């Protein structure tokens, strides 16, 4: 597996440098600081991908807030999504709260839509979402994010929380994998 990971990392295209990603996070934070200033939001970090984005974003927010996590995954360290698996639900009550869901990427939108609906079902008064990356698809998604850092073409990404088979979340830029046959053993 490590040989495959090293190959993917070595051949990937750098789409956004660390400096460009940090500037996008600054932009998202400015928007959140204005819109949610008096809302006492509960930030829900979508695990595992949202951990880098949430960690970098919360230090830029100067508003009162609380933090919790949620984990609803379609990928389970694979490169294609399946059905949603609820791994972790927040311990903080959502009733009568403004919730801000923070995730790394808005891909098909299925997981984010499910988390959004979960928050409403739990009694949240309003729900917002922030994503570092919004993938441009050729069809409509079931949900759009309220705060978006960067937009990219529909490619398989890693870095800043996004992973390749559970690896490379810690890459300090946003990269796109080169096309290759996933069945090939590297």
N, C-alpha and C. Protein backbone atom coordinates (compact mmCIF):
# COMPACT_ATOMS: atom_id res chain seq x y z
N UNK A 1 0.81 -1.20 0.00
CA UNK A 1 0.00 0.00 0.00
C UNK A 1 0.86 1.27 0.00
N UNK A 2 1.95 1.27 0.77
CA UNK A 2 2.78 2.47 0.82
C UNK A 2 3.39 2.80 -0.53
N UNK A 3 3.69 1.76 -1.31
CA UNK A 3 4.24 1.99 -2.65
C UNK A 3 3.20 2.72 -3.52
N UNK A 4 1.95 2.30 -3.41
CA UNK A 4 0.87 2.95 -4.15
C UNK A 4 0.71 4.41 -3.70
N UNK A 5 0.72 4.64 -2.39
CA UNK A 5 0.56 5.99 -1.86
C UNK A 5 1.69 6.90 -2.34
N UNK A 6 2.91 6.40 -2.29
CA UNK A 6 4.05 7.20 -2.75
C UNK A 6 3.94 7.53 -4.23
N UNK A 7 3.45 6.56 -5.03
CA UNK A 7 3.27 6.79 -6.45
C UNK A 7 2.21 7.87 -6.70
N UNK A 8 1.08 7.77 -6.01
CA UNK A 8 0.01 8.75 -6.16
C UNK A 8 0.52 10.13 -5.78
N UNK A 9 1.24 10.22 -4.68
CA UNK A 9 1.76 11.50 -4.21
C UNK A 9 2.78 12.08 -5.20
N UNK A 10 3.63 11.25 -5.73
CA UNK A 10 4.69 11.71 -6.64
C UNK A 10 4.16 12.16 -8.00
N UNK A 11 3.03 11.60 -8.41
CA UNK A 11 2.52 11.91 -9.75
C UNK A 11 1.35 12.88 -9.75
N UNK A 12 0.90 13.32 -8.58
CA UNK A 12 -0.28 14.18 -8.48
C UNK A 12 -0.02 15.59 -9.01
N UNK A 13 -1.09 16.25 -9.41
CA UNK A 13 -1.03 17.64 -9.84
C UNK A 13 -1.35 18.54 -8.65
N UNK A 14 -0.50 19.53 -8.38
CA UNK A 14 -0.79 20.51 -7.35
C UNK A 14 -1.79 21.51 -7.92
N UNK A 15 -2.99 21.55 -7.32
CA UNK A 15 -4.02 22.48 -7.78
C UNK A 15 -3.97 23.80 -7.01
N UNK A 16 -3.75 23.71 -5.69
CA UNK A 16 -3.70 24.90 -4.85
C UNK A 16 -2.57 24.74 -3.84
N UNK A 17 -1.71 25.73 -3.78
CA UNK A 17 -0.59 25.72 -2.83
C UNK A 17 -1.12 25.96 -1.41
N UNK A 18 -0.26 25.73 -0.44
CA UNK A 18 -0.62 26.00 0.95
C UNK A 18 -1.04 27.46 1.12
N UNK A 19 -0.33 28.38 0.50
CA UNK A 19 -0.64 29.80 0.59
C UNK A 19 -2.04 30.09 0.03
N UNK A 20 -2.38 29.49 -1.09
CA UNK A 20 -3.69 29.70 -1.70
C UNK A 20 -4.81 29.12 -0.83
N UNK A 21 -4.56 27.96 -0.23
CA UNK A 21 -5.56 27.34 0.64
C UNK A 21 -5.75 28.17 1.90
N UNK A 22 -4.67 28.65 2.47
CA UNK A 22 -4.77 29.48 3.68
C UNK A 22 -5.55 30.77 3.39
N UNK A 23 -5.36 31.35 2.22
CA UNK A 23 -6.11 32.55 1.83
C UNK A 23 -7.60 32.23 1.70
N UNK A 24 -7.92 31.06 1.17
CA UNK A 24 -9.33 30.64 1.07
C UNK A 24 -9.94 30.46 2.45
N UNK A 25 -9.17 29.91 3.39
CA UNK A 25 -9.65 29.76 4.77
C UNK A 25 -9.88 31.13 5.41
N UNK A 26 -9.01 32.09 5.13
CA UNK A 26 -9.20 33.46 5.62
C UNK A 26 -10.53 34.02 5.13
N UNK A 27 -10.83 33.79 3.86
CA UNK A 27 -12.06 34.31 3.25
C UNK A 27 -13.29 33.69 3.90
N UNK A 28 -13.27 32.38 4.09
CA UNK A 28 -14.39 31.69 4.73
C UNK A 28 -14.59 32.24 6.15
N UNK A 29 -13.51 32.38 6.89
CA UNK A 29 -13.59 32.86 8.27
C UNK A 29 -14.19 34.26 8.34
N UNK A 30 -13.80 35.13 7.44
CA UNK A 30 -14.36 36.49 7.42
C UNK A 30 -15.87 36.44 7.24
N UNK A 31 -16.33 35.61 6.32
CA UNK A 31 -17.76 35.50 6.05
C UNK A 31 -18.51 34.93 7.26
N UNK A 32 -17.95 33.91 7.89
CA UNK A 32 -18.59 33.31 9.07
C UNK A 32 -18.63 34.31 10.22
N UNK A 33 -17.52 35.03 10.43
CA UNK A 33 -17.47 36.02 11.51
C UNK A 33 -18.56 37.08 11.37
N UNK A 34 -18.90 37.43 10.14
CA UNK A 34 -19.94 38.43 9.91
C UNK A 34 -21.33 37.80 10.07
N UNK A 35 -21.58 36.71 9.38
CA UNK A 35 -22.92 36.14 9.34
C UNK A 35 -23.35 35.52 10.67
N UNK A 36 -22.44 34.89 11.37
CA UNK A 36 -22.82 34.16 12.59
C UNK A 36 -22.37 34.87 13.88
N UNK A 37 -22.04 36.15 13.79
CA UNK A 37 -21.49 36.89 14.92
C UNK A 37 -22.33 36.79 16.19
N UNK A 38 -23.63 36.91 16.09
CA UNK A 38 -24.49 36.90 17.27
C UNK A 38 -25.34 35.63 17.37
N UNK A 39 -24.89 34.54 16.76
CA UNK A 39 -25.71 33.32 16.68
C UNK A 39 -25.27 32.22 17.63
N UNK A 40 -24.14 32.38 18.33
CA UNK A 40 -23.62 31.35 19.25
C UNK A 40 -23.62 29.97 18.58
N UNK A 41 -22.90 29.83 17.46
CA UNK A 41 -22.99 28.57 16.71
C UNK A 41 -22.29 27.40 17.39
N UNK A 42 -22.82 26.23 17.09
CA UNK A 42 -22.17 24.96 17.41
C UNK A 42 -21.50 24.51 16.12
N UNK A 43 -20.18 24.39 16.12
CA UNK A 43 -19.46 23.93 14.95
C UNK A 43 -19.37 22.41 14.99
N UNK A 44 -19.86 21.78 13.95
CA UNK A 44 -19.78 20.32 13.84
C UNK A 44 -18.71 19.98 12.82
N UNK A 45 -17.62 19.43 13.29
CA UNK A 45 -16.53 18.98 12.42
C UNK A 45 -16.90 17.62 11.87
N UNK A 46 -16.96 17.50 10.54
CA UNK A 46 -17.24 16.22 9.90
C UNK A 46 -15.94 15.43 9.85
N UNK A 47 -15.91 14.35 10.60
CA UNK A 47 -14.72 13.51 10.67
C UNK A 47 -14.70 12.55 9.49
N UNK A 48 -13.59 12.16 8.99
CA UNK A 48 -12.27 12.57 9.38
C UNK A 48 -11.78 13.72 8.52
N UNK A 49 -12.36 13.88 7.35
CA UNK A 49 -11.89 14.89 6.41
C UNK A 49 -11.92 16.31 6.91
N UNK A 50 -12.93 16.66 7.69
CA UNK A 50 -13.09 18.02 8.14
C UNK A 50 -12.16 18.43 9.25
N UNK A 51 -11.37 17.50 9.78
CA UNK A 51 -10.55 17.81 10.94
C UNK A 51 -9.49 18.88 10.65
N UNK A 52 -8.86 18.82 9.50
CA UNK A 52 -7.84 19.81 9.16
C UNK A 52 -8.50 21.16 8.92
N UNK A 53 -9.57 21.17 8.15
CA UNK A 53 -10.27 22.42 7.83
C UNK A 53 -10.81 23.06 9.11
N UNK A 54 -11.47 22.26 9.94
CA UNK A 54 -12.03 22.80 11.19
C UNK A 54 -10.93 23.34 12.09
N UNK A 55 -9.84 22.60 12.22
CA UNK A 55 -8.74 23.04 13.07
C UNK A 55 -8.15 24.36 12.62
N UNK A 56 -8.00 24.51 11.32
CA UNK A 56 -7.41 25.74 10.80
C UNK A 56 -8.43 26.88 10.80
N UNK A 57 -9.70 26.55 10.66
CA UNK A 57 -10.74 27.57 10.59
C UNK A 57 -11.08 28.16 11.96
N UNK A 58 -11.18 27.32 12.98
CA UNK A 58 -11.64 27.84 14.27
C UNK A 58 -10.70 28.87 14.88
N UNK A 59 -9.42 28.78 14.58
CA UNK A 59 -8.50 29.78 15.13
C UNK A 59 -8.67 31.13 14.44
N UNK A 60 -9.37 31.16 13.32
CA UNK A 60 -9.61 32.41 12.60
C UNK A 60 -10.96 33.03 12.99
N UNK A 61 -11.76 32.30 13.74
CA UNK A 61 -13.09 32.79 14.13
C UNK A 61 -12.99 33.54 15.45
N UNK A 62 -13.55 34.73 15.48
CA UNK A 62 -13.47 35.55 16.69
C UNK A 62 -14.85 35.72 17.34
N UNK A 63 -15.72 34.76 17.14
CA UNK A 63 -17.08 34.80 17.68
C UNK A 63 -17.23 33.71 18.74
N UNK A 64 -18.16 33.89 19.68
CA UNK A 64 -18.41 32.82 20.65
C UNK A 64 -18.94 31.58 19.91
N UNK A 65 -18.42 30.40 20.26
CA UNK A 65 -18.85 29.17 19.61
C UNK A 65 -18.51 27.98 20.48
N UNK A 66 -19.14 26.86 20.18
CA UNK A 66 -18.77 25.59 20.78
C UNK A 66 -18.49 24.61 19.65
N UNK A 67 -17.81 23.52 20.00
CA UNK A 67 -17.35 22.58 18.97
C UNK A 67 -17.75 21.15 19.33
N UNK A 68 -18.13 20.39 18.32
CA UNK A 68 -18.39 18.97 18.47
C UNK A 68 -18.04 18.31 17.14
N UNK A 69 -18.27 17.02 17.05
CA UNK A 69 -17.92 16.29 15.82
C UNK A 69 -19.05 15.36 15.42
N UNK A 70 -19.04 15.01 14.15
CA UNK A 70 -19.98 14.05 13.59
C UNK A 70 -19.22 13.26 12.53
N UNK A 71 -19.56 12.00 12.36
CA UNK A 71 -18.90 11.19 11.35
C UNK A 71 -19.93 10.34 10.64
N UNK A 72 -20.24 10.76 9.44
CA UNK A 72 -21.12 10.01 8.55
C UNK A 72 -20.34 9.82 7.27
N UNK A 73 -19.96 8.60 6.97
CA UNK A 73 -19.04 8.36 5.86
C UNK A 73 -19.67 7.51 4.77
N UNK A 74 -19.37 7.87 3.54
CA UNK A 74 -19.75 7.05 2.39
C UNK A 74 -18.54 6.34 1.81
N UNK A 75 -17.34 6.72 2.22
CA UNK A 75 -16.14 6.23 1.55
C UNK A 75 -15.37 5.17 2.31
N UNK A 76 -15.35 5.22 3.64
CA UNK A 76 -14.62 4.24 4.45
C UNK A 76 -13.25 3.89 3.86
N UNK A 77 -12.46 4.94 3.58
CA UNK A 77 -11.09 4.81 3.05
C UNK A 77 -11.02 4.16 1.67
N UNK A 78 -12.10 4.27 0.91
CA UNK A 78 -12.12 3.79 -0.47
C UNK A 78 -12.14 5.02 -1.39
N UNK A 79 -12.03 4.79 -2.70
CA UNK A 79 -12.03 5.92 -3.63
C UNK A 79 -13.40 6.17 -4.24
N UNK A 80 -14.40 5.37 -3.88
CA UNK A 80 -15.76 5.63 -4.35
C UNK A 80 -16.72 5.44 -3.19
N UNK A 81 -17.81 6.18 -3.22
CA UNK A 81 -18.76 6.18 -2.11
C UNK A 81 -19.81 5.09 -2.22
N UNK A 82 -20.28 4.67 -1.05
CA UNK A 82 -21.37 3.71 -0.97
C UNK A 82 -22.49 4.31 -0.13
N UNK A 83 -23.14 3.48 0.67
CA UNK A 83 -24.20 3.98 1.52
C UNK A 83 -23.60 4.68 2.74
N UNK A 84 -24.38 5.56 3.34
CA UNK A 84 -23.88 6.33 4.49
C UNK A 84 -23.84 5.45 5.73
N UNK A 85 -22.70 5.50 6.41
CA UNK A 85 -22.50 4.79 7.67
C UNK A 85 -22.33 5.84 8.76
N UNK A 86 -23.24 5.83 9.75
CA UNK A 86 -23.17 6.77 10.88
C UNK A 86 -22.22 6.20 11.91
N UNK A 87 -21.06 6.80 12.03
CA UNK A 87 -20.01 6.32 12.91
C UNK A 87 -20.02 7.07 14.24
N UNK A 88 -20.29 8.38 14.20
CA UNK A 88 -20.29 9.20 15.41
C UNK A 88 -21.34 10.28 15.27
N UNK A 89 -22.17 10.41 16.30
CA UNK A 89 -23.13 11.51 16.36
C UNK A 89 -22.69 12.45 17.46
N UNK A 90 -23.00 13.75 17.32
CA UNK A 90 -22.53 14.71 18.32
C UNK A 90 -23.11 14.45 19.70
N UNK A 91 -22.31 14.73 20.72
CA UNK A 91 -22.77 14.60 22.10
C UNK A 91 -23.51 15.84 22.57
N UNK A 92 -23.28 16.97 21.92
CA UNK A 92 -23.93 18.22 22.28
C UNK A 92 -25.34 18.25 21.70
N UNK A 93 -26.33 18.60 22.52
CA UNK A 93 -27.69 18.72 21.98
C UNK A 93 -27.76 19.80 20.90
N UNK A 94 -28.45 19.51 19.81
CA UNK A 94 -28.57 20.46 18.71
C UNK A 94 -29.83 21.30 18.80
N UNK A 95 -30.75 20.92 19.68
CA UNK A 95 -32.03 21.61 19.81
C UNK A 95 -31.82 23.09 20.11
N UNK A 96 -32.49 23.92 19.32
CA UNK A 96 -32.46 25.38 19.47
C UNK A 96 -31.08 25.99 19.24
N UNK A 97 -30.22 25.33 18.50
CA UNK A 97 -28.88 25.84 18.22
C UNK A 97 -28.75 26.21 16.75
N UNK A 98 -27.87 27.14 16.48
CA UNK A 98 -27.40 27.40 15.13
C UNK A 98 -26.21 26.47 14.93
N UNK A 99 -26.24 25.66 13.90
CA UNK A 99 -25.19 24.68 13.65
C UNK A 99 -24.42 25.07 12.39
N UNK A 100 -23.10 24.99 12.47
CA UNK A 100 -22.24 25.18 11.31
C UNK A 100 -21.49 23.88 11.08
N UNK A 101 -21.81 23.20 9.99
CA UNK A 101 -21.14 21.96 9.61
C UNK A 101 -19.88 22.33 8.85
N UNK A 102 -18.73 21.78 9.26
CA UNK A 102 -17.46 22.07 8.58
C UNK A 102 -16.92 20.78 7.98
N UNK A 103 -16.66 20.79 6.68
CA UNK A 103 -16.13 19.61 6.00
C UNK A 103 -15.06 20.03 5.00
N UNK A 104 -14.33 19.03 4.53
CA UNK A 104 -13.25 19.30 3.59
C UNK A 104 -13.75 19.56 2.18
N UNK A 105 -14.64 18.69 1.68
CA UNK A 105 -15.03 18.78 0.27
C UNK A 105 -16.52 18.49 0.10
N UNK A 106 -17.15 19.25 -0.77
CA UNK A 106 -18.51 18.98 -1.19
C UNK A 106 -18.41 18.31 -2.55
N UNK A 107 -18.57 17.01 -2.53
CA UNK A 107 -18.44 16.20 -3.75
C UNK A 107 -19.85 16.02 -4.33
N UNK A 108 -20.45 14.88 -4.15
CA UNK A 108 -21.81 14.63 -4.65
C UNK A 108 -22.86 15.32 -3.77
N UNK A 109 -22.51 15.61 -2.51
CA UNK A 109 -23.43 16.29 -1.62
C UNK A 109 -24.35 15.38 -0.82
N UNK A 110 -24.22 14.09 -1.01
CA UNK A 110 -25.10 13.13 -0.33
C UNK A 110 -24.85 13.11 1.17
N UNK A 111 -23.59 13.04 1.58
CA UNK A 111 -23.26 13.00 3.00
C UNK A 111 -23.62 14.32 3.67
N UNK A 112 -23.26 15.44 3.08
CA UNK A 112 -23.58 16.73 3.67
C UNK A 112 -25.09 16.92 3.79
N UNK A 113 -25.85 16.52 2.79
CA UNK A 113 -27.31 16.63 2.86
C UNK A 113 -27.87 15.79 4.00
N UNK A 114 -27.31 14.61 4.21
CA UNK A 114 -27.77 13.73 5.30
C UNK A 114 -27.45 14.36 6.66
N UNK A 115 -26.26 14.93 6.80
CA UNK A 115 -25.88 15.57 8.06
C UNK A 115 -26.75 16.81 8.31
N UNK A 116 -27.00 17.57 7.28
CA UNK A 116 -27.86 18.75 7.37
C UNK A 116 -29.24 18.35 7.87
N UNK A 117 -29.81 17.32 7.27
CA UNK A 117 -31.13 16.85 7.67
C UNK A 117 -31.12 16.32 9.11
N UNK A 118 -30.06 15.62 9.47
CA UNK A 118 -29.91 15.12 10.84
C UNK A 118 -29.98 16.28 11.83
N UNK A 119 -29.27 17.36 11.54
CA UNK A 119 -29.26 18.53 12.43
C UNK A 119 -30.67 19.12 12.58
N UNK A 120 -31.39 19.24 11.48
CA UNK A 120 -32.76 19.75 11.54
C UNK A 120 -33.65 18.79 12.34
N UNK A 121 -33.49 17.50 12.11
CA UNK A 121 -34.28 16.51 12.83
C UNK A 121 -34.03 16.55 14.34
N UNK A 122 -32.82 16.98 14.73
CA UNK A 122 -32.46 17.08 16.14
C UNK A 122 -32.89 18.41 16.76
N UNK A 123 -33.54 19.27 15.97
CA UNK A 123 -34.09 20.51 16.50
C UNK A 123 -33.25 21.75 16.32
N UNK A 124 -32.23 21.70 15.49
CA UNK A 124 -31.44 22.91 15.24
C UNK A 124 -32.34 23.99 14.65
N UNK A 125 -32.15 25.23 15.09
CA UNK A 125 -32.97 26.32 14.56
C UNK A 125 -32.51 26.75 13.18
N UNK A 126 -31.21 26.65 12.92
CA UNK A 126 -30.68 26.93 11.59
C UNK A 126 -29.40 26.13 11.41
N UNK A 127 -29.14 25.79 10.15
CA UNK A 127 -27.97 24.97 9.83
C UNK A 127 -27.25 25.61 8.64
N UNK A 128 -25.96 25.79 8.81
CA UNK A 128 -25.09 26.31 7.76
C UNK A 128 -23.99 25.30 7.50
N UNK A 129 -23.34 25.43 6.35
CA UNK A 129 -22.23 24.53 6.06
C UNK A 129 -21.08 25.31 5.43
N UNK A 130 -19.88 24.88 5.79
CA UNK A 130 -18.66 25.46 5.23
C UNK A 130 -17.80 24.33 4.71
N UNK A 131 -17.35 24.46 3.47
CA UNK A 131 -16.47 23.46 2.87
C UNK A 131 -15.26 24.17 2.28
N UNK A 132 -14.12 23.52 2.39
CA UNK A 132 -12.93 24.09 1.79
C UNK A 132 -13.01 24.03 0.27
N UNK A 133 -13.50 22.90 -0.25
CA UNK A 133 -13.53 22.68 -1.69
C UNK A 133 -14.93 22.27 -2.14
N UNK A 134 -15.39 22.88 -3.20
CA UNK A 134 -16.64 22.48 -3.85
C UNK A 134 -16.27 21.97 -5.23
N UNK A 135 -16.59 20.70 -5.49
CA UNK A 135 -16.31 20.13 -6.81
C UNK A 135 -17.39 20.54 -7.80
N UNK A 136 -16.95 20.95 -8.98
CA UNK A 136 -17.86 21.32 -10.05
C UNK A 136 -18.28 20.05 -10.79
N UNK A 137 -19.56 19.75 -10.74
CA UNK A 137 -20.09 18.55 -11.38
C UNK A 137 -21.00 18.94 -12.54
N UNK A 138 -21.31 17.98 -13.38
CA UNK A 138 -22.18 18.25 -14.52
C UNK A 138 -23.66 18.03 -14.19
N UNK A 139 -23.98 17.92 -12.91
CA UNK A 139 -25.37 17.78 -12.48
C UNK A 139 -25.58 18.50 -11.15
N UNK A 140 -26.83 18.73 -10.82
CA UNK A 140 -27.16 19.44 -9.59
C UNK A 140 -26.94 18.54 -8.38
N UNK A 141 -26.49 19.15 -7.29
CA UNK A 141 -26.28 18.43 -6.04
C UNK A 141 -27.51 18.62 -5.15
N UNK A 142 -27.71 17.72 -4.19
CA UNK A 142 -28.87 17.86 -3.30
C UNK A 142 -28.73 18.98 -2.28
N UNK A 143 -27.56 19.60 -2.20
CA UNK A 143 -27.30 20.66 -1.23
C UNK A 143 -26.16 21.53 -1.75
N UNK A 144 -26.17 22.79 -1.35
CA UNK A 144 -25.05 23.67 -1.64
C UNK A 144 -24.50 24.18 -0.31
N UNK A 145 -23.22 24.46 -0.27
CA UNK A 145 -22.60 24.96 0.95
C UNK A 145 -22.81 26.47 1.04
N UNK A 146 -22.90 26.96 2.27
CA UNK A 146 -23.07 28.39 2.50
C UNK A 146 -21.74 29.14 2.40
N UNK A 147 -20.66 28.47 2.79
CA UNK A 147 -19.33 29.07 2.76
C UNK A 147 -18.42 28.12 1.99
N UNK A 148 -17.81 28.64 0.92
CA UNK A 148 -16.97 27.81 0.04
C UNK A 148 -15.62 28.50 -0.13
N UNK A 149 -14.55 27.74 0.08
CA UNK A 149 -13.21 28.29 -0.09
C UNK A 149 -12.74 28.29 -1.53
N UNK A 150 -12.79 27.11 -2.16
CA UNK A 150 -12.26 26.93 -3.51
C UNK A 150 -13.20 26.06 -4.34
N UNK A 151 -13.19 26.25 -5.63
CA UNK A 151 -13.96 25.40 -6.54
C UNK A 151 -12.99 24.69 -7.46
N UNK A 152 -13.24 23.40 -7.68
CA UNK A 152 -12.35 22.62 -8.53
C UNK A 152 -13.15 21.73 -9.47
N UNK A 153 -12.51 21.34 -10.56
CA UNK A 153 -13.12 20.36 -11.46
C UNK A 153 -13.24 19.03 -10.74
N UNK A 154 -14.04 18.16 -11.29
CA UNK A 154 -14.32 16.86 -10.68
C UNK A 154 -13.15 15.90 -10.88
N UNK A 155 -12.20 15.99 -9.97
CA UNK A 155 -11.05 15.09 -9.97
C UNK A 155 -10.91 14.51 -8.57
N UNK A 156 -10.16 13.44 -8.43
CA UNK A 156 -9.96 12.84 -7.11
C UNK A 156 -8.86 13.62 -6.40
N UNK A 157 -9.20 14.21 -5.25
CA UNK A 157 -8.32 15.14 -4.55
C UNK A 157 -7.76 14.54 -3.27
N UNK A 158 -6.63 15.09 -2.83
CA UNK A 158 -6.12 14.81 -1.49
C UNK A 158 -5.39 16.03 -0.97
N UNK A 159 -5.23 16.07 0.35
CA UNK A 159 -4.58 17.18 1.04
C UNK A 159 -5.58 18.01 1.80
N UNK A 160 -5.12 18.67 2.86
CA UNK A 160 -5.97 19.52 3.71
C UNK A 160 -7.22 18.76 4.17
N UNK A 161 -7.04 17.54 4.56
CA UNK A 161 -8.15 16.74 5.08
C UNK A 161 -8.68 15.72 4.09
N UNK A 162 -8.59 16.00 2.82
CA UNK A 162 -9.06 15.05 1.80
C UNK A 162 -8.04 13.93 1.68
N UNK A 163 -8.53 12.72 1.47
CA UNK A 163 -7.61 11.58 1.50
C UNK A 163 -7.64 10.75 0.23
N UNK A 164 -6.61 9.97 0.12
CA UNK A 164 -6.55 8.91 -0.88
C UNK A 164 -6.44 7.61 -0.09
N UNK A 165 -7.52 6.84 -0.06
CA UNK A 165 -7.58 5.55 0.66
C UNK A 165 -7.11 5.68 2.11
N UNK A 166 -7.49 6.78 2.76
CA UNK A 166 -7.15 7.00 4.16
C UNK A 166 -5.82 7.70 4.38
N UNK A 167 -5.05 7.90 3.35
CA UNK A 167 -3.73 8.53 3.44
C UNK A 167 -3.76 9.93 2.82
N UNK A 168 -2.71 10.67 3.05
CA UNK A 168 -2.40 11.96 2.42
C UNK A 168 -3.30 13.11 2.85
N UNK A 169 -4.10 12.93 3.92
CA UNK A 169 -4.91 14.04 4.45
C UNK A 169 -4.00 15.19 4.90
N UNK A 170 -2.79 14.86 5.29
CA UNK A 170 -1.86 15.84 5.85
C UNK A 170 -1.04 16.58 4.80
N UNK A 171 -1.29 16.36 3.53
CA UNK A 171 -0.55 17.09 2.49
C UNK A 171 -0.85 18.59 2.62
N UNK A 172 0.16 19.41 2.45
CA UNK A 172 0.04 20.85 2.72
C UNK A 172 -0.38 21.67 1.51
N UNK A 173 -1.08 21.06 0.61
CA UNK A 173 -1.69 21.73 -0.53
C UNK A 173 -2.85 20.87 -0.96
N UNK A 174 -3.54 21.27 -2.01
CA UNK A 174 -4.60 20.43 -2.56
C UNK A 174 -4.12 19.88 -3.89
N UNK A 175 -4.14 18.57 -3.97
CA UNK A 175 -3.61 17.84 -5.12
C UNK A 175 -4.70 17.03 -5.79
N UNK A 176 -4.55 16.79 -7.08
CA UNK A 176 -5.44 15.91 -7.83
C UNK A 176 -4.64 14.71 -8.31
N UNK A 177 -5.20 13.55 -8.12
CA UNK A 177 -4.55 12.32 -8.58
C UNK A 177 -4.55 12.27 -10.09
N UNK A 178 -3.47 11.74 -10.64
CA UNK A 178 -3.43 11.48 -12.08
C UNK A 178 -4.34 10.30 -12.35
N UNK A 179 -4.85 10.23 -13.56
CA UNK A 179 -5.70 9.08 -13.93
C UNK A 179 -4.84 7.82 -13.99
N UNK A 180 -5.36 6.75 -13.42
CA UNK A 180 -4.68 5.47 -13.54
C UNK A 180 -5.68 4.38 -13.26
N UNK A 181 -5.36 3.17 -13.60
CA UNK A 181 -6.23 2.01 -13.38
C UNK A 181 -6.13 1.58 -11.93
N UNK A 182 -7.23 1.77 -11.17
CA UNK A 182 -7.22 1.44 -9.75
C UNK A 182 -6.97 -0.06 -9.50
N UNK A 183 -7.19 -0.89 -10.49
CA UNK A 183 -7.00 -2.31 -10.31
C UNK A 183 -5.53 -2.69 -10.41
N UNK A 184 -4.72 -1.78 -10.97
CA UNK A 184 -3.29 -2.07 -11.11
C UNK A 184 -2.62 -2.03 -9.75
N UNK A 185 -1.87 -3.01 -9.43
CA UNK A 185 -1.10 -3.01 -8.19
C UNK A 185 0.21 -2.31 -8.45
N UNK A 186 0.44 -1.27 -7.69
CA UNK A 186 1.67 -0.47 -7.91
C UNK A 186 2.79 -0.98 -7.04
